[in-house]
Amino acid sequence: MNLPQSQLEIKVKKMREDAILPLRATGGAAAADLYAVCPTEGVVILPGQRVTIPTGVAIQLPSPAYVALVFARSGLGIKKGIALSNGVGVIDSDYRGEICVGLINLSDEPYTVQNGERIAQLAVMPVCVTAFTQVEQLEDTARGANGFGSTGSR
């Protein structure tokens, strides 16, 4: 299959029969939707509760030069208070297991995740492979070691 140069082929394996492959909702979408695979009655997330929802898919990134990142869906977060329990999920290039999504209910109402529901977004990005070198001194900057909130508003 010949893909335009702007597309990167990601191999996807269904780990569960009823899994839905990741899908970009529009041509301009930066990430593909990930879909829940759960019982017919859904999975109830109580306020403050964390759950892990399987997606039924595993991926193969083309090389260690790429990472797949799992992000929250803004609609679930803003409208329903459902967020990723780990902030952002990192899928390394050598992971071949099923992608599961940790969700947390930050609202005051129970929320039911339905089978086939879009629960997260998957973005594939390049990785800057790094080598960490211990040094005795770091170069000075105007900010220096001033931490959280130190840049302020001007």
C-alpha atoms as a PDB file:
ATOM      1  CA  MET A   1       0.000   0.000   0.000  1.00  0.00           C
ATOM      2  CA  ASN A   2       1.460   3.361  -1.035  1.00  0.00           C
ATOM      3  CA  LEU A   3       0.835   6.090   1.510  1.00  0.00           C
ATOM      4  CA  PRO A   4       1.420   9.794   0.925  1.00  0.00           C
ATOM      5  CA  GLN A   5       4.716  10.958   2.431  1.00  0.00           C
ATOM      6  CA  SER A   6       2.830  12.836   5.152  1.00  0.00           C
ATOM      7  CA  GLN A   7       1.461   9.584   6.587  1.00  0.00           C
ATOM      8  CA  LEU A   8       3.309   7.130   8.813  1.00  0.00           C
ATOM      9  CA  GLU A   9       2.102   3.535   8.741  1.00  0.00           C
ATOM     10  CA  ILE A  10       1.282   2.140  12.195  1.00  0.00           C
ATOM     11  CA  LYS A  11       0.504  -1.568  12.309  1.00  0.00           C
ATOM     12  CA  VAL A  12      -2.492  -2.410  14.512  1.00  0.00           C
ATOM     13  CA  LYS A  13      -3.480  -5.822  15.848  1.00  0.00           C
ATOM     14  CA  LYS A  14      -6.930  -6.556  17.229  1.00  0.00           C
ATOM     15  CA  MET A  15      -6.503  -8.222  20.610  1.00  0.00           C
ATOM     16  CA  ARG A  16     -10.262  -8.602  21.093  1.00  0.00           C
ATOM     17  CA  GLU A  17     -12.830  -9.481  18.457  1.00  0.00           C
ATOM     18  CA  ASP A  18     -15.053  -6.446  19.076  1.00  0.00           C
ATOM     19  CA  ALA A  19     -12.204  -3.909  19.083  1.00  0.00           C
ATOM     20  CA  ILE A  20     -12.432  -0.821  16.899  1.00  0.00           C
ATOM     21  CA  LEU A  21      -9.223   0.307  15.203  1.00  0.00           C
ATOM     22  CA  PRO A  22      -7.936   3.798  16.122  1.00  0.00           C
ATOM     23  CA  LEU A  23      -9.491   6.360  13.805  1.00  0.00           C
ATOM     24  CA  ARG A  24      -8.795  10.008  13.054  1.00  0.00           C
ATOM     25  CA  ALA A  25     -12.215  11.690  13.066  1.00  0.00           C
ATOM     26  CA  THR A  26     -11.277  14.372  10.534  1.00  0.00           C
ATOM     27  CA  GLY A  27      -8.491  15.017   8.040  1.00  0.00           C
ATOM     28  CA  GLY A  28      -7.086  17.697  10.328  1.00  0.00           C
ATOM     29  CA  ALA A  29      -7.157  15.612  13.520  1.00  0.00           C
ATOM     30  CA  ALA A  30      -3.743  15.362  15.158  1.00  0.00           C
ATOM     31  CA  ALA A  31      -4.666  12.177  17.037  1.00  0.00           C
ATOM     32  CA  ALA A  32      -6.802   9.089  16.499  1.00  0.00           C
ATOM     33  CA  ASP A  33      -9.666   8.146  18.779  1.00  0.00           C
ATOM     34  CA  LEU A  34      -9.292   5.075  20.996  1.00  0.00           C
ATOM     35  CA  TYR A  35     -12.453   3.091  21.701  1.00  0.00           C
ATOM     36  CA  ALA A  36     -13.536   1.209  24.831  1.00  0.00           C
ATOM     37  CA  VAL A  37     -13.999  -2.538  24.825  1.00  0.00           C
ATOM     38  CA  CYS A  38     -16.156  -3.332  27.826  1.00  0.00           C
ATOM     39  CA  PRO A  39     -19.175  -5.405  28.863  1.00  0.00           C
ATOM     40  CA  THR A  40     -22.532  -4.748  27.240  1.00  0.00           C
ATOM     41  CA  GLU A  41     -23.769  -2.973  30.385  1.00  0.00           C
ATOM     42  CA  GLY A  42     -20.731  -0.689  30.359  1.00  0.00           C
ATOM     43  CA  VAL A  43     -18.344   0.155  33.186  1.00  0.00           C
ATOM     44  CA  VAL A  44     -19.518   2.560  35.882  1.00  0.00           C
ATOM     45  CA  ILE A  45     -16.891   4.957  37.233  1.00  0.00           C
ATOM     46  CA  LEU A  46     -17.952   6.385  40.582  1.00  0.00           C
ATOM     47  CA  PRO A  47     -16.853   9.875  41.653  1.00  0.00           C
ATOM     48  CA  GLY A  48     -13.167   9.773  42.535  1.00  0.00           C
ATOM     49  CA  GLN A  49     -12.788   6.200  41.256  1.00  0.00           C
ATOM     50  CA  ARG A  50     -10.055   5.032  38.874  1.00  0.00           C
ATOM     51  CA  VAL A  51     -10.609   2.257  36.329  1.00  0.00           C
ATOM     52  CA  THR A  52      -8.632   0.688  33.513  1.00  0.00           C
ATOM     53  CA  ILE A  53     -10.499   0.270  30.260  1.00  0.00           C
ATOM     54  CA  PRO A  54      -9.128  -1.984  27.502  1.00  0.00           C
ATOM     55  CA  THR A  55      -9.172  -0.803  23.885  1.00  0.00           C
ATOM     56  CA  GLY A  56      -8.700  -4.235  22.340  1.00  0.00           C
ATOM     57  CA  VAL A  57      -5.831  -3.076  20.125  1.00  0.00           C
ATOM     58  CA  ALA A  58      -2.047  -3.280  20.148  1.00  0.00           C
ATOM     59  CA  ILE A  59       0.234  -1.254  17.885  1.00  0.00           C
ATOM     60  CA  GLN A  60       3.665  -1.564  16.342  1.00  0.00           C
ATOM     61  CA  LEU A  61       5.577   1.675  16.004  1.00  0.00           C
ATOM     62  CA  PRO A  62       8.065   1.708  13.104  1.00  0.00           C
ATOM     63  CA  SER A  63      11.178   2.284  15.229  1.00  0.00           C
ATOM     64  CA  PRO A  64      12.509   3.691  18.523  1.00  0.00           C
ATOM     65  CA  ALA A  65      12.396   7.080  16.788  1.00  0.00           C
ATOM     66  CA  TYR A  66       8.643   7.214  17.595  1.00  0.00           C
ATOM     67  CA  VAL A  67       6.426   7.181  20.664  1.00  0.00           C
ATOM     68  CA  ALA A  68       2.650   6.880  20.907  1.00  0.00           C
ATOM     69  CA  LEU A  69       1.039   9.144  23.489  1.00  0.00           C
ATOM     70  CA  VAL A  70      -2.433   8.630  24.937  1.00  0.00           C
ATOM     71  CA  PHE A  71      -4.238  11.884  25.705  1.00  0.00           C
ATOM     72  CA  ALA A  72      -7.620  12.653  27.266  1.00  0.00           C
ATOM     73  CA  ARG A  73     -10.591  13.508  25.094  1.00  0.00           C
ATOM     74  CA  SER A  74     -11.492  17.108  25.802  1.00  0.00           C
ATOM     75  CA  GLY A  75     -15.231  16.453  25.575  1.00  0.00           C
ATOM     76  CA  LEU A  76     -15.116  13.781  28.279  1.00  0.00           C
ATOM     77  CA  GLY A  77     -12.932  15.915  30.508  1.00  0.00           C
ATOM     78  CA  ILE A  78     -14.761  19.204  30.161  1.00  0.00           C
ATOM     79  CA  LYS A  79     -18.347  17.946  29.900  1.00  0.00           C
ATOM     80  CA  LYS A  80     -18.224  14.851  32.135  1.00  0.00           C
ATOM     81  CA  GLY A  81     -15.132  15.216  34.355  1.00  0.00           C
ATOM     82  CA  ILE A  82     -13.547  12.017  33.003  1.00  0.00           C
ATOM     83  CA  ALA A  83      -9.761  12.336  32.691  1.00  0.00           C
ATOM     84  CA  LEU A  84      -6.753  10.073  32.305  1.00  0.00           C
ATOM     85  CA  SER A  85      -5.634   8.843  35.706  1.00  0.00           C
ATOM     86  CA  ASN A  86      -1.960   9.056  34.694  1.00  0.00           C
ATOM     87  CA  GLY A  87      -2.143  12.396  32.853  1.00  0.00           C
ATOM     88  CA  VAL A  88      -0.620  11.130  29.592  1.00  0.00           C
ATOM     89  CA  GLY A  89      -0.001   7.513  28.661  1.00  0.00           C
ATOM     90  CA  VAL A  90       3.325   6.654  27.040  1.00  0.00           C
ATOM     91  CA  ILE A  91       3.513   3.710  24.655  1.00  0.00           C
ATOM     92  CA  ASP A  92       7.138   2.864  23.939  1.00  0.00           C
ATOM     93  CA  SER A  93       8.236   1.562  20.543  1.00  0.00           C
ATOM     94  CA  ASP A  94       8.990  -1.905  21.932  1.00  0.00           C
ATOM     95  CA  TYR A  95       5.600  -2.433  23.662  1.00  0.00           C
ATOM     96  CA  ARG A  96       3.363  -4.924  21.863  1.00  0.00           C
ATOM     97  CA  GLY A  97       0.583  -5.462  24.414  1.00  0.00           C
ATOM     98  CA  GLU A  98      -2.976  -4.236  24.428  1.00  0.00           C
ATOM     99  CA  ILE A  99      -3.436  -0.513  24.918  1.00  0.00           C
ATOM    100  CA  CYS A 100      -5.462   0.096  28.071  1.00  0.00           C
ATOM    101  CA  VAL A 101      -6.615   3.505  29.260  1.00  0.00           C
ATOM    102  CA  GLY A 102      -6.649   4.530  32.907  1.00  0.00           C
ATOM    103  CA  LEU A 103      -9.596   6.821  33.583  1.00  0.00           C
ATOM    104  CA  ILE A 104     -10.600   8.763  36.688  1.00  0.00           C
ATOM    105  CA  ASN A 105     -13.939  10.392  37.445  1.00  0.00           C
ATOM    106  CA  LEU A 106     -13.298  13.913  38.739  1.00  0.00           C
ATOM    107  CA  SER A 107     -17.001  14.802  38.794  1.00  0.00           C
ATOM    108  CA  ASP A 108     -19.617  14.365  41.518  1.00  0.00           C
ATOM    109  CA  GLU A 109     -21.724  12.023  39.354  1.00  0.00           C
ATOM    110  CA  PRO A 110     -21.195   8.382  38.365  1.00  0.00           C
ATOM    111  CA  TYR A 111     -20.275   7.960  34.687  1.00  0.00           C
ATOM    112  CA  THR A 112     -20.822   4.832  32.591  1.00  0.00           C
ATOM    113  CA  VAL A 113     -18.293   4.038  29.877  1.00  0.00           C
ATOM    114  CA  GLN A 114     -20.131   2.294  27.046  1.00  0.00           C
ATOM    115  CA  ASN A 115     -18.682  -0.398  24.790  1.00  0.00           C
ATOM    116  CA  GLY A 116     -17.398   1.261  21.610  1.00  0.00           C
ATOM    117  CA  GLU A 117     -17.244   4.730  23.209  1.00  0.00           C
ATOM    118  CA  ARG A 118     -14.354   7.032  22.320  1.00  0.00           C
ATOM    119  CA  ILE A 119     -12.369   7.263  25.561  1.00  0.00           C
ATOM    120  CA  ALA A 120      -8.982   8.740  24.641  1.00  0.00           C
ATOM    121  CA  GLN A 121      -6.802   9.945  21.785  1.00  0.00           C
ATOM    122  CA  LEU A 122      -3.638   8.355  20.407  1.00  0.00           C
ATOM    123  CA  ALA A 123      -0.944  10.574  18.873  1.00  0.00           C
ATOM    124  CA  VAL A 124       2.302   9.290  17.377  1.00  0.00           C
ATOM    125  CA  MET A 125       5.271  11.638  17.675  1.00  0.00           C
ATOM    126  CA  PRO A 126       8.992  11.631  16.995  1.00  0.00           C
ATOM    127  CA  VAL A 127      11.344  10.998  19.897  1.00  0.00           C
ATOM    128  CA  CYS A 128      14.547  12.882  20.522  1.00  0.00           C
ATOM    129  CA  VAL A 129      16.865  10.103  21.682  1.00  0.00           C
ATOM    130  CA  THR A 130      19.032  11.556  24.434  1.00  0.00           C
ATOM    131  CA  ALA A 131      22.209  10.799  26.318  1.00  0.00           C
ATOM    132  CA  PHE A 132      22.345  12.151  29.866  1.00  0.00           C
ATOM    133  CA  THR A 133      25.787  13.378  30.880  1.00  0.00           C
ATOM    134  CA  GLN A 134      26.617  14.199  34.482  1.00  0.00           C
ATOM    135  CA  VAL A 135      28.373  17.563  34.897  1.00  0.00           C
ATOM    136  CA  GLU A 136      29.535  19.611  37.878  1.00  0.00           C
ATOM    137  CA  GLN A 137      27.983  22.878  36.664  1.00  0.00           C
ATOM    138  CA  LEU A 138      25.137  23.955  34.363  1.00  0.00           C
ATOM    139  CA  GLU A 139      25.219  27.160  32.323  1.00  0.00           C
ATOM    140  CA  ASP A 140      23.589  30.200  33.985  1.00  0.00           C
ATOM    141  CA  THR A 141      20.358  31.720  32.644  1.00  0.00           C
ATOM    142  CA  ALA A 142      18.264  34.739  33.616  1.00  0.00           C
ATOM    143  CA  ARG A 143      15.746  32.428  35.307  1.00  0.00           C
ATOM    144  CA  GLY A 144      18.315  30.256  37.009  1.00  0.00           C
ATOM    145  CA  ALA A 145      16.902  27.741  39.507  1.00  0.00           C
ATOM    146  CA  ASN A 146      13.702  29.733  40.218  1.00  0.00           C
ATOM    147  CA  GLY A 147      10.875  27.196  40.054  1.00  0.00           C
ATOM    148  CA  PHE A 148       7.093  27.062  39.741  1.00  0.00           C
ATOM    149  CA  GLY A 149       5.500  30.376  38.819  1.00  0.00           C
ATOM    150  CA  SER A 150       8.847  32.146  38.681  1.00  0.00           C
ATOM    151  CA  THR A 151       8.386  33.475  35.158  1.00  0.00           C
ATOM    152  CA  GLY A 152       5.328  35.454  36.339  1.00  0.00           C
ATOM    153  CA  SER A 153       3.356  37.896  34.239  1.00  0.00           C
ATOM    154  CA  ARG A 154       4.990  41.023  32.944  1.00  0.00           C
END
